Amino acid sequence: MTDDAPRQFEIDLPPEVVPGNYADFANVWHTPDVFVMDFVSLARPPQAGSDADGNPVTIVPGRVVQRVRIPPQQVFELAKALTQQLEFWEQETGRRTDG
């Protein structure tokens, strides 16, 4: 195999992965070697609570439904792909996101 040869990916999607997981939001963090995306689904409706100092806060219970780790080099490709798909979505739906 040479580095100059074009790559043709053959990607398998197992049947149990086809439905996917719904996530309300994602939390992204990193180490020196990897970027981590935790996709979170709300577990229950938000509720009133207080922090350690007694100040009022809204508690939003959530559960990680998927954790994805990618190498730093792939972050740029992921950002480009998300931007491209968001532009396609905006054209198809006529809607624009805030951002």
PDB file of N, CA and C in Angstrom:
ATOM      1  N   MET A   1       0.851  -1.186   0.000  1.00  0.00           N
ATOM      2  CA  MET A   1       0.000   0.000   0.000  1.00  0.00           C
ATOM      3  C   MET A   1       0.886   1.236   0.000  1.00  0.00           C
ATOM      4  N   THR A   2       0.575   2.167  -0.876  1.00  0.00           N
ATOM      5  CA  THR A   2       1.333   3.416  -0.917  1.00  0.00           C
ATOM      6  C   THR A   2       0.464   4.555  -0.431  1.00  0.00           C
ATOM      7  N   ASP A   3       1.118   5.571   0.103  1.00  0.00           N
ATOM      8  CA  ASP A   3       0.379   6.736   0.592  1.00  0.00           C
ATOM      9  C   ASP A   3      -0.241   7.544  -0.534  1.00  0.00           C
ATOM     10  N   ASP A   4       0.254   7.358  -1.770  1.00  0.00           N
ATOM     11  CA  ASP A   4      -0.256   8.109  -2.909  1.00  0.00           C
ATOM     12  C   ASP A   4      -1.530   7.506  -3.497  1.00  0.00           C
ATOM     13  N   ALA A   5      -1.803   6.253  -3.173  1.00  0.00           N
ATOM     14  CA  ALA A   5      -2.974   5.581  -3.739  1.00  0.00           C
ATOM     15  C   ALA A   5      -4.245   6.159  -3.136  1.00  0.00           C
ATOM     16  N   PRO A   6      -5.288   6.387  -3.973  1.00  0.00           N
ATOM     17  CA  PRO A   6      -6.554   6.882  -3.421  1.00  0.00           C
ATOM     18  C   PRO A   6      -7.158   5.847  -2.477  1.00  0.00           C
ATOM     19  N   ARG A   7      -7.852   6.322  -1.480  1.00  0.00           N
ATOM     20  CA  ARG A   7      -8.483   5.438  -0.509  1.00  0.00           C
ATOM     21  C   ARG A   7      -9.938   5.232  -0.862  1.00  0.00           C
ATOM     22  N   GLN A   8     -10.378   4.021  -0.716  1.00  0.00           N
ATOM     23  CA  GLN A   8     -11.792   3.696  -0.901  1.00  0.00           C
ATOM     24  C   GLN A   8     -12.239   2.985   0.368  1.00  0.00           C
ATOM     25  N   PHE A   9     -13.015   3.696   1.183  1.00  0.00           N
ATOM     26  CA  PHE A   9     -13.458   3.137   2.452  1.00  0.00           C
ATOM     27  C   PHE A   9     -14.615   2.174   2.236  1.00  0.00           C
ATOM     28  N   GLU A  10     -14.570   1.060   2.930  1.00  0.00           N
ATOM     29  CA  GLU A  10     -15.688   0.116   2.977  1.00  0.00           C
ATOM     30  C   GLU A  10     -16.151   0.094   4.426  1.00  0.00           C
ATOM     31  N   ILE A  11     -17.236   0.793   4.699  1.00  0.00           N
ATOM     32  CA  ILE A  11     -17.696   0.997   6.070  1.00  0.00           C
ATOM     33  C   ILE A  11     -18.918   0.130   6.326  1.00  0.00           C
ATOM     34  N   ASP A  12     -18.847  -0.656   7.384  1.00  0.00           N
ATOM     35  CA  ASP A  12     -19.941  -1.528   7.787  1.00  0.00           C
ATOM     36  C   ASP A  12     -20.772  -0.827   8.852  1.00  0.00           C
ATOM     37  N   LEU A  13     -22.085  -0.857   8.709  1.00  0.00           N
ATOM     38  CA  LEU A  13     -22.986  -0.294   9.700  1.00  0.00           C
ATOM     39  C   LEU A  13     -23.786  -1.443  10.299  1.00  0.00           C
ATOM     40  N   PRO A  14     -23.411  -1.899  11.505  1.00  0.00           N
ATOM     41  CA  PRO A  14     -24.126  -3.013  12.113  1.00  0.00           C
ATOM     42  C   PRO A  14     -25.609  -2.672  12.319  1.00  0.00           C
ATOM     43  N   PRO A  15     -26.493  -3.646  12.160  1.00  0.00           N
ATOM     44  CA  PRO A  15     -27.937  -3.385  12.281  1.00  0.00           C
ATOM     45  C   PRO A  15     -28.332  -2.721  13.597  1.00  0.00           C
ATOM     46  N   GLU A  16     -27.672  -3.066  14.692  1.00  0.00           N
ATOM     47  CA  GLU A  16     -28.050  -2.480  15.984  1.00  0.00           C
ATOM     48  C   GLU A  16     -27.661  -1.003  16.086  1.00  0.00           C
ATOM     49  N   VAL A  17     -26.835  -0.505  15.162  1.00  0.00           N
ATOM     50  CA  VAL A  17     -26.411   0.894  15.187  1.00  0.00           C
ATOM     51  C   VAL A  17     -27.276   1.752  14.267  1.00  0.00           C
ATOM     52  N   VAL A  18     -27.987   1.131  13.342  1.00  0.00           N
ATOM     53  CA  VAL A  18     -28.779   1.862  12.348  1.00  0.00           C
ATOM     54  C   VAL A  18     -29.743   2.876  12.976  1.00  0.00           C
ATOM     55  N   PRO A  19     -30.498   2.531  14.031  1.00  0.00           N
ATOM     56  CA  PRO A  19     -31.440   3.523  14.576  1.00  0.00           C
ATOM     57  C   PRO A  19     -30.767   4.750  15.175  1.00  0.00           C
ATOM     58  N   GLY A  20     -29.532   4.619  15.636  1.00  0.00           N
ATOM     59  CA  GLY A  20     -28.830   5.748  16.240  1.00  0.00           C
ATOM     60  C   GLY A  20     -29.362   6.070  17.624  1.00  0.00           C
ATOM     61  N   ASN A  21     -28.845   7.148  18.187  1.00  0.00           N
ATOM     62  CA  ASN A  21     -29.273   7.643  19.489  1.00  0.00           C
ATOM     63  C   ASN A  21     -29.624   9.111  19.349  1.00  0.00           C
ATOM     64  N   TYR A  22     -30.705   9.524  19.995  1.00  0.00           N
ATOM     65  CA  TYR A  22     -31.059  10.938  20.015  1.00  0.00           C
ATOM     66  C   TYR A  22     -30.257  11.617  21.121  1.00  0.00           C
ATOM     67  N   ALA A  23     -29.736  12.800  20.840  1.00  0.00           N
ATOM     68  CA  ALA A  23     -29.031  13.590  21.844  1.00  0.00           C
ATOM     69  C   ALA A  23     -29.539  15.021  21.795  1.00  0.00           C
ATOM     70  N   ASP A  24     -29.762  15.586  22.978  1.00  0.00           N
ATOM     71  CA  ASP A  24     -30.211  16.975  23.078  1.00  0.00           C
ATOM     72  C   ASP A  24     -29.052  17.957  22.922  1.00  0.00           C
ATOM     73  N   PHE A  25     -27.854  17.518  23.295  1.00  0.00           N
ATOM     74  CA  PHE A  25     -26.675  18.369  23.128  1.00  0.00           C
ATOM     75  C   PHE A  25     -25.417  17.519  23.229  1.00  0.00           C
ATOM     76  N   ALA A  26     -24.286  18.142  22.926  1.00  0.00           N
ATOM     77  CA  ALA A  26     -23.002  17.460  23.017  1.00  0.00           C
ATOM     78  C   ALA A  26     -22.042  18.302  23.849  1.00  0.00           C
ATOM     79  N   ASN A  27     -21.231  17.629  24.601  1.00  0.00           N
ATOM     80  CA  ASN A  27     -20.162  18.264  25.353  1.00  0.00           C
ATOM     81  C   ASN A  27     -18.848  17.813  24.713  1.00  0.00           C
ATOM     82  N   VAL A  28     -17.990  18.759  24.361  1.00  0.00           N
ATOM     83  CA  VAL A  28     -16.734  18.434  23.694  1.00  0.00           C
ATOM     84  C   VAL A  28     -15.580  18.851  24.600  1.00  0.00           C
ATOM     85  N   TRP A  29     -14.631  17.939  24.759  1.00  0.00           N
ATOM     86  CA  TRP A  29     -13.432  18.232  25.539  1.00  0.00           C
ATOM     87  C   TRP A  29     -12.257  17.489  24.913  1.00  0.00           C
ATOM     88  N   HIS A  30     -11.048  17.751  25.397  1.00  0.00           N
ATOM     89  CA  HIS A  30      -9.882  17.132  24.775  1.00  0.00           C
ATOM     90  C   HIS A  30      -8.783  16.850  25.779  1.00  0.00           C
ATOM     91  N   THR A  31      -7.895  15.960  25.380  1.00  0.00           N
ATOM     92  CA  THR A  31      -6.624  15.711  26.036  1.00  0.00           C
ATOM     93  C   THR A  31      -5.564  16.045  24.987  1.00  0.00           C
ATOM     94  N   PRO A  32      -4.295  15.929  25.304  1.00  0.00           N
ATOM     95  CA  PRO A  32      -3.285  16.199  24.272  1.00  0.00           C
ATOM     96  C   PRO A  32      -3.379  15.266  23.065  1.00  0.00           C
ATOM     97  N   ASP A  33      -3.990  14.082  23.241  1.00  0.00           N
ATOM     98  CA  ASP A  33      -3.989  13.072  22.178  1.00  0.00           C
ATOM     99  C   ASP A  33      -5.332  12.782  21.535  1.00  0.00           C
ATOM    100  N   VAL A  34      -6.416  13.273  22.112  1.00  0.00           N
ATOM    101  CA  VAL A  34      -7.732  12.886  21.601  1.00  0.00           C
ATOM    102  C   VAL A  34      -8.776  13.957  21.916  1.00  0.00           C
ATOM    103  N   PHE A  35      -9.739  14.110  21.005  1.00  0.00           N
ATOM    104  CA  PHE A  35     -10.915  14.940  21.259  1.00  0.00           C
ATOM    105  C   PHE A  35     -12.056  13.994  21.606  1.00  0.00           C
ATOM    106  N   VAL A  36     -12.850  14.373  22.592  1.00  0.00           N
ATOM    107  CA  VAL A  36     -13.947  13.533  23.061  1.00  0.00           C
ATOM    108  C   VAL A  36     -15.246  14.307  22.930  1.00  0.00           C
ATOM    109  N   MET A  37     -16.252  13.648  22.333  1.00  0.00           N
ATOM    110  CA  MET A  37     -17.583  14.232  22.228  1.00  0.00           C
ATOM    111  C   MET A  37     -18.538  13.328  22.988  1.00  0.00           C
ATOM    112  N   ASP A  38     -19.142  13.871  24.043  1.00  0.00           N
ATOM    113  CA  ASP A  38     -20.163  13.162  24.794  1.00  0.00           C
ATOM    114  C   ASP A  38     -21.512  13.685  24.333  1.00  0.00           C
ATOM    115  N   PHE A  39     -22.321  12.808  23.740  1.00  0.00           N
ATOM    116  CA  PHE A  39     -23.656  13.177  23.291  1.00  0.00           C
ATOM    117  C   PHE A  39     -24.624  12.854  24.421  1.00  0.00           C
ATOM    118  N   VAL A  40     -25.415  13.856  24.819  1.00  0.00           N
ATOM    119  CA  VAL A  40     -26.225  13.765  26.029  1.00  0.00           C
ATOM    120  C   VAL A  40     -27.710  13.909  25.705  1.00  0.00           C
ATOM    121  N   SER A  41     -28.508  13.057  26.312  1.00  0.00           N
ATOM    122  CA  SER A  41     -29.960  13.127  26.209  1.00  0.00           C
ATOM    123  C   SER A  41     -30.511  13.517  27.576  1.00  0.00           C
ATOM    124  N   LEU A  42     -31.489  14.408  27.583  1.00  0.00           N
ATOM    125  CA  LEU A  42     -32.093  14.802  28.859  1.00  0.00           C
ATOM    126  C   LEU A  42     -32.821  13.612  29.467  1.00  0.00           C
ATOM    127  N   ALA A  43     -32.595  13.397  30.767  1.00  0.00           N
ATOM    128  CA  ALA A  43     -33.178  12.247  31.456  1.00  0.00           C
ATOM    129  C   ALA A  43     -34.554  12.571  32.031  1.00  0.00           C
ATOM    130  N   ARG A  44     -34.715  13.792  32.515  1.00  0.00           N
ATOM    131  CA  ARG A  44     -35.974  14.252  33.116  1.00  0.00           C
ATOM    132  C   ARG A  44     -36.105  15.745  32.850  1.00  0.00           C
ATOM    133  N   PRO A  45     -37.278  16.302  33.069  1.00  0.00           N
ATOM    134  CA  PRO A  45     -37.407  17.756  32.915  1.00  0.00           C
ATOM    135  C   PRO A  45     -36.520  18.493  33.922  1.00  0.00           C
ATOM    136  N   PRO A  46     -36.052  19.674  33.563  1.00  0.00           N
ATOM    137  CA  PRO A  46     -35.264  20.472  34.509  1.00  0.00           C
ATOM    138  C   PRO A  46     -36.059  20.759  35.771  1.00  0.00           C
ATOM    139  N   GLN A  47     -35.342  20.929  36.883  1.00  0.00           N
ATOM    140  CA  GLN A  47     -36.009  21.224  38.152  1.00  0.00           C
ATOM    141  C   GLN A  47     -35.208  22.242  38.938  1.00  0.00           C
ATOM    142  N   ALA A  48     -35.884  22.953  39.815  1.00  0.00           N
ATOM    143  CA  ALA A  48     -35.221  23.958  40.641  1.00  0.00           C
ATOM    144  C   ALA A  48     -34.357  23.268  41.682  1.00  0.00           C
ATOM    145  N   GLY A  49     -33.227  23.882  41.985  1.00  0.00           N
ATOM    146  CA  GLY A  49     -32.322  23.364  42.997  1.00  0.00           C
ATOM    147  C   GLY A  49     -31.430  24.477  43.480  1.00  0.00           C
ATOM    148  N   SER A  50     -30.379  24.104  44.210  1.00  0.00           N
ATOM    149  CA  SER A  50     -29.429  25.106  44.682  1.00  0.00           C
ATOM    150  C   SER A  50     -28.021  24.527  44.594  1.00  0.00           C
ATOM    151  N   ASP A  51     -27.044  25.422  44.421  1.00  0.00           N
ATOM    152  CA  ASP A  51     -25.651  24.985  44.345  1.00  0.00           C
ATOM    153  C   ASP A  51     -25.086  24.818  45.751  1.00  0.00           C
ATOM    154  N   ALA A  52     -23.793  24.546  45.861  1.00  0.00           N
ATOM    155  CA  ALA A  52     -23.153  24.289  47.153  1.00  0.00           C
ATOM    156  C   ALA A  52     -23.218  25.494  48.082  1.00  0.00           C
ATOM    157  N   ASP A  53     -23.349  26.717  47.517  1.00  0.00           N
ATOM    158  CA  ASP A  53     -23.431  27.928  48.328  1.00  0.00           C
ATOM    159  C   ASP A  53     -24.866  28.331  48.647  1.00  0.00           C
ATOM    160  N   GLY A  54     -25.829  27.527  48.200  1.00  0.00           N
ATOM    161  CA  GLY A  54     -27.233  27.835  48.456  1.00  0.00           C
ATOM    162  C   GLY A  54     -27.869  28.737  47.424  1.00  0.00           C
ATOM    163  N   ASN A  55     -27.148  29.069  46.350  1.00  0.00           N
ATOM    164  CA  ASN A  55     -27.701  29.913  45.293  1.00  0.00           C
ATOM    165  C   ASN A  55     -28.648  29.095  44.418  1.00  0.00           C
ATOM    166  N   PRO A  56     -29.739  29.714  43.968  1.00  0.00           N
ATOM    167  CA  PRO A  56     -30.688  28.968  43.129  1.00  0.00           C
ATOM    168  C   PRO A  56     -30.071  28.624  41.764  1.00  0.00           C
ATOM    169  N   VAL A  57     -30.312  27.400  41.325  1.00  0.00           N
ATOM    170  CA  VAL A  57     -29.882  26.932  40.010  1.00  0.00           C
ATOM    171  C   VAL A  57     -30.988  26.057  39.432  1.00  0.00           C
ATOM    172  N   THR A  58     -30.952  25.872  38.138  1.00  0.00           N
ATOM    173  CA  THR A  58     -31.845  24.925  37.489  1.00  0.00           C
ATOM    174  C   THR A  58     -31.036  23.673  37.203  1.00  0.00           C
ATOM    175  N   ILE A  59     -31.459  22.557  37.748  1.00  0.00           N
ATOM    176  CA  ILE A  59     -30.765  21.285  37.562  1.00  0.00           C
ATOM    177  C   ILE A  59     -31.344  20.602  36.327  1.00  0.00           C
ATOM    178  N   VAL A  60     -30.457  20.242  35.395  1.00  0.00           N
ATOM    179  CA  VAL A  60     -30.863  19.611  34.139  1.00  0.00           C
ATOM    180  C   VAL A  60     -30.252  18.205  34.117  1.00  0.00           C
ATOM    181  N   PRO A  61     -31.019  17.189  34.517  1.00  0.00           N
ATOM    182  CA  PRO A  61     -30.480  15.834  34.538  1.00  0.00           C
ATOM    183  C   PRO A  61     -30.323  15.279  33.118  1.00  0.00           C
ATOM    184  N   GLY A  62     -29.157  14.748  32.831  1.00  0.00           N
ATOM    185  CA  GLY A  62     -28.896  14.190  31.514  1.00  0.00           C
ATOM    186  C   GLY A  62     -28.109  12.901  31.619  1.00  0.00           C
ATOM    187  N   ARG A  63     -28.059  12.183  30.512  1.00  0.00           N
ATOM    188  CA  ARG A  63     -27.320  10.924  30.448  1.00  0.00           C
ATOM    189  C   ARG A  63     -26.546  10.875  29.135  1.00  0.00           C
ATOM    190  N   VAL A  64     -25.279  10.486  29.209  1.00  0.00           N
ATOM    191  CA  VAL A  64     -24.479  10.320  28.002  1.00  0.00           C
ATOM    192  C   VAL A  64     -25.010   9.089  27.263  1.00  0.00           C
ATOM    193  N   VAL A  65     -25.440   9.299  26.007  1.00  0.00           N
ATOM    194  CA  VAL A  65     -25.943   8.187  25.199  1.00  0.00           C
ATOM    195  C   VAL A  65     -24.880   7.664  24.246  1.00  0.00           C
ATOM    196  N   GLN A  66     -23.816   8.458  24.051  1.00  0.00           N
ATOM    197  CA  GLN A  66     -22.725   8.002  23.198  1.00  0.00           C
ATOM    198  C   GLN A  66     -21.500   8.855  23.465  1.00  0.00           C
ATOM    199  N   ARG A  67     -20.347   8.216  23.575  1.00  0.00           N
ATOM    200  CA  ARG A  67     -19.071   8.931  23.671  1.00  0.00           C
ATOM    201  C   ARG A  67     -18.264   8.569  22.442  1.00  0.00           C
ATOM    202  N   VAL A  68     -17.776   9.597  21.736  1.00  0.00           N
ATOM    203  CA  VAL A  68     -16.988   9.384  20.533  1.00  0.00           C
ATOM    204  C   VAL A  68     -15.636  10.049  20.738  1.00  0.00           C
ATOM    205  N   ARG A  69     -14.581   9.294  20.484  1.00  0.00           N
ATOM    206  CA  ARG A  69     -13.211   9.804  20.597  1.00  0.00           C
ATOM    207  C   ARG A  69     -12.604   9.859  19.196  1.00  0.00           C
ATOM    208  N   ILE A  70     -12.008  11.006  18.855  1.00  0.00           N
ATOM    209  CA  ILE A  70     -11.364  11.118  17.543  1.00  0.00           C
ATOM    210  C   ILE A  70      -9.986  11.750  17.710  1.00  0.00           C
ATOM    211  N   PRO A  71      -9.052  11.395  16.823  1.00  0.00           N
ATOM    212  CA  PRO A  71      -7.725  12.011  16.896  1.00  0.00           C
ATOM    213  C   PRO A  71      -7.803  13.478  16.494  1.00  0.00           C
ATOM    214  N   PRO A  72      -6.900  14.304  17.031  1.00  0.00           N
ATOM    215  CA  PRO A  72      -6.933  15.737  16.725  1.00  0.00           C
ATOM    216  C   PRO A  72      -6.928  16.038  15.231  1.00  0.00           C
ATOM    217  N   GLN A  73      -6.235  15.245  14.429  1.00  0.00           N
ATOM    218  CA  GLN A  73      -6.167  15.498  12.996  1.00  0.00           C
ATOM    219  C   GLN A  73      -7.555  15.424  12.350  1.00  0.00           C
ATOM    220  N   GLN A  74      -8.447  14.630  12.900  1.00  0.00           N
ATOM    221  CA  GLN A  74      -9.775  14.454  12.315  1.00  0.00           C
ATOM    222  C   GLN A  74     -10.748  15.572  12.691  1.00  0.00           C
ATOM    223  N   VAL A  75     -10.403  16.376  13.686  1.00  0.00           N
ATOM    224  CA  VAL A  75     -11.306  17.445  14.125  1.00  0.00           C
ATOM    225  C   VAL A  75     -11.568  18.425  12.987  1.00  0.00           C
ATOM    226  N   PHE A  76     -10.539  18.748  12.213  1.00  0.00           N
ATOM    227  CA  PHE A  76     -10.706  19.696  11.114  1.00  0.00           C
ATOM    228  C   PHE A  76     -11.614  19.122  10.036  1.00  0.00           C
ATOM    229  N   GLU A  77     -11.457  17.835   9.730  1.00  0.00           N
ATOM    230  CA  GLU A  77     -12.320  17.183   8.739  1.00  0.00           C
ATOM    231  C   GLU A  77     -13.759  17.135   9.233  1.00  0.00           C
ATOM    232  N   LEU A  78     -13.944  16.852  10.513  1.00  0.00           N
ATOM    233  CA  LEU A  78     -15.289  16.822  11.089  1.00  0.00           C
ATOM    234  C   LEU A  78     -15.931  18.206  11.032  1.00  0.00           C
ATOM    235  N   ALA A  79     -15.167  19.241  11.367  1.00  0.00           N
ATOM    236  CA  ALA A  79     -15.696  20.611  11.326  1.00  0.00           C
ATOM    237  C   ALA A  79     -16.114  20.985   9.903  1.00  0.00           C
ATOM    238  N   LYS A  80     -15.306  20.626   8.917  1.00  0.00           N
ATOM    239  CA  LYS A  80     -15.653  20.916   7.521  1.00  0.00           C
ATOM    240  C   LYS A  80     -16.913  20.164   7.109  1.00  0.00           C
ATOM    241  N   ALA A  81     -17.004  18.893   7.484  1.00  0.00           N
ATOM    242  CA  ALA A  81     -18.172  18.091   7.113  1.00  0.00           C
ATOM    243  C   ALA A  81     -19.437  18.629   7.771  1.00  0.00           C
ATOM    244  N   LEU A  82     -19.359  19.020   9.033  1.00  0.00           N
ATOM    245  CA  LEU A  82     -20.531  19.582   9.715  1.00  0.00           C
ATOM    246  C   LEU A  82     -20.958  20.901   9.081  1.00  0.00           C
ATOM    247  N   THR A  83     -19.999  21.753   8.751  1.00  0.00           N
ATOM    248  CA  THR A  83     -20.311  23.027   8.104  1.00  0.00           C
ATOM    249  C   THR A  83     -20.985  22.799   6.754  1.00  0.00           C
ATOM    250  N   GLN A  84     -20.440  21.873   5.974  1.00  0.00           N
ATOM    251  CA  GLN A  84     -21.004  21.572   4.655  1.00  0.00           C
ATOM    252  C   GLN A  84     -22.430  21.028   4.784  1.00  0.00           C
ATOM    253  N   GLN A  85     -22.642  20.101   5.700  1.00  0.00           N
ATOM    254  CA  GLN A  85     -23.981  19.528   5.865  1.00  0.00           C
ATOM    255  C   GLN A  85     -24.969  20.556   6.407  1.00  0.00           C
ATOM    256  N   LEU A  86     -24.517  21.453   7.274  1.00  0.00           N
ATOM    257  CA  LEU A  86     -25.390  22.510   7.781  1.00  0.00           C
ATOM    258  C   LEU A  86     -25.808  23.444   6.645  1.00  0.00           C
ATOM    259  N   GLU A  87     -24.883  23.774   5.760  1.00  0.00           N
ATOM    260  CA  GLU A  87     -25.214  24.615   4.602  1.00  0.00           C
ATOM    261  C   GLU A  87     -26.230  23.915   3.695  1.00  0.00           C
ATOM    262  N   PHE A  88     -26.046  22.620   3.442  1.00  0.00           N
ATOM    263  CA  PHE A  88     -27.009  21.856   2.644  1.00  0.00           C
ATOM    264  C   PHE A  88     -28.380  21.867   3.320  1.00  0.00           C
ATOM    265  N   TRP A  89     -28.408  21.661   4.627  1.00  0.00           N
ATOM    266  CA  TRP A  89     -29.662  21.630   5.379  1.00  0.00           C
ATOM    267  C   TRP A  89     -30.373  22.984   5.291  1.00  0.00           C
ATOM    268  N   GLU A  90     -29.612  24.071   5.432  1.00  0.00           N
ATOM    269  CA  GLU A  90     -30.206  25.413   5.337  1.00  0.00           C
ATOM    270  C   GLU A  90     -30.799  25.645   3.957  1.00  0.00           C
ATOM    271  N   GLN A  91     -30.121  25.189   2.900  1.00  0.00           N
ATOM    272  CA  GLN A  91     -30.635  25.349   1.544  1.00  0.00           C
ATOM    273  C   GLN A  91     -31.904  24.506   1.345  1.00  0.00           C
ATOM    274  N   GLU A  92     -31.884  23.290   1.833  1.00  0.00           N
ATOM    275  CA  GLU A  92     -33.025  22.391   1.644  1.00  0.00           C
ATOM    276  C   GLU A  92     -34.249  22.826   2.427  1.00  0.00           C
ATOM    277  N   THR A  93     -34.067  23.332   3.638  1.00  0.00           N
ATOM    278  CA  THR A  93     -35.198  23.649   4.496  1.00  0.00           C
ATOM    279  C   THR A  93     -35.582  25.118   4.434  1.00  0.00           C
ATOM    280  N   GLY A  94     -34.685  25.976   3.946  1.00  0.00           N
ATOM    281  CA  GLY A  94     -34.953  27.399   3.940  1.00  0.00           C
ATOM    282  C   GLY A  94     -34.826  28.021   5.328  1.00  0.00           C
ATOM    283  N   ARG A  95     -34.345  27.224   6.267  1.00  0.00           N
ATOM    284  CA  ARG A  95     -34.175  27.710   7.646  1.00  0.00           C
ATOM    285  C   ARG A  95     -32.713  28.044   7.874  1.00  0.00           C
ATOM    286  N   ARG A  96     -32.500  28.939   8.804  1.00  0.00           N
ATOM    287  CA  ARG A  96     -31.140  29.335   9.165  1.00  0.00           C
ATOM    288  C   ARG A  96     -30.977  29.154  10.656  1.00  0.00           C
ATOM    289  N   THR A  97     -29.814  28.689  11.055  1.00  0.00           N
ATOM    290  CA  THR A  97     -29.548  28.504  12.473  1.00  0.00           C
ATOM    291  C   THR A  97     -28.836  29.723  13.006  1.00  0.00           C
ATOM    292  N   ASP A  98     -28.947  29.953  14.301  1.00  0.00           N
ATOM    293  CA  ASP A  98     -28.178  31.020  14.949  1.00  0.00           C
ATOM    294  C   ASP A  98     -26.808  30.468  15.234  1.00  0.00           C
ATOM    295  N   GLY A  99     -25.806  31.230  14.984  1.00  0.00           N
ATOM    296  CA  GLY A  99     -24.476  30.724  15.272  1.00  0.00           C
ATOM    297  C   GLY A  99     -23.494  31.665  14.807  1.00  0.00           C
TER     298      GLY A  99
END
